[in-house]
Amino acid sequence: MNAIDKLIEKIKETNNPTVIGLDPRYHMLPNCIREKYKGSLENVCEGILEYNKALIDEVCDIIPAVKPQIAFYEMLGLAGMELLYKTCEYAKEKGMIVIVDAKRGDIGSTAEGYSDAFIGKTKIEDQLYGNDFIDFVTVNAYFGTDCVKPFIEDCKKYNKGIFILVKTSNPSSGELQDLKLENGKTIYETMGNLVEQWGKDLVGENGYSSVAAVVGATYPEQLQILRKEMPHTFFLIPGYGAQRRQGRRYCFWI
């Protein structure tokens, strides 16, 4: 069973097509957590970990996946990155699908490094180092095929998946993504067609590929267009309803 099939089966198991985002901000933590863990950055990270674990405990049997946004952990320094990995590991132990929202993308050895960091392995002498508790990572593929190839190779090798930005939910996304090319296609449609092509060798039993897409619910007309043009691509759909509440973001799948 490939990565996207595991996600789909988890959605069926929980009867819930949502993902919970863990985007911690200090001022949004409960007062009891802030009082208990004040005094240093390391203490704050311990408090956030307790909070994240409590959220995971409450939803792990009713929500299929968790999606920490890496920026909210990177801003806390080394302690924050340790917090990210501990959060992901705990969610995985609780049976959830783990998606790291990192939006990485580059070319050549840098793209390989990004892929190895999240879904692949790093070889040091004869030993491979990596993690088994991240299932997907989000990717900014506007560099083109050079950017995506290392991620796809690791998806095949380690049974992982990626979500590629196609049509993002932010208000200014149309400044570039809605521009039309000489063939009449928009940039976002062209990216969608590429994603469908890139994922053709990773289509699972449910008819979807582990090379998936991010398509914002804030643009329903574009969403309908892409759904027709990308029949084998699974969608992560941010921007539905109240997207942010108490540091948690909710997205839907198609």
Foldseek 3Di string as FASTA:
>chain_A
DFLVVLLVVLCVQLVHFKEKEFQDDQVLDDPVLCVVQDDDLLSNLVSSLVVLLVVLVVCLSRHAAYEYECVSQVVSPPSSVVSVVSSLVSSVVSPHAYEYEDQAWDADVVLLVVLCAAQNWDDDPNDTDYDDRHAEYEYACPVDPRTCVNNLVSCVVRRHAYAYEQQDADPCSCVQQQDADPVRDGNSLVVLLVLLVSFPVQQDPVQAGSSAYEHEPNDVVVVVVSCVNRVRHKYWYFDPDPQDDSNMGMTGID
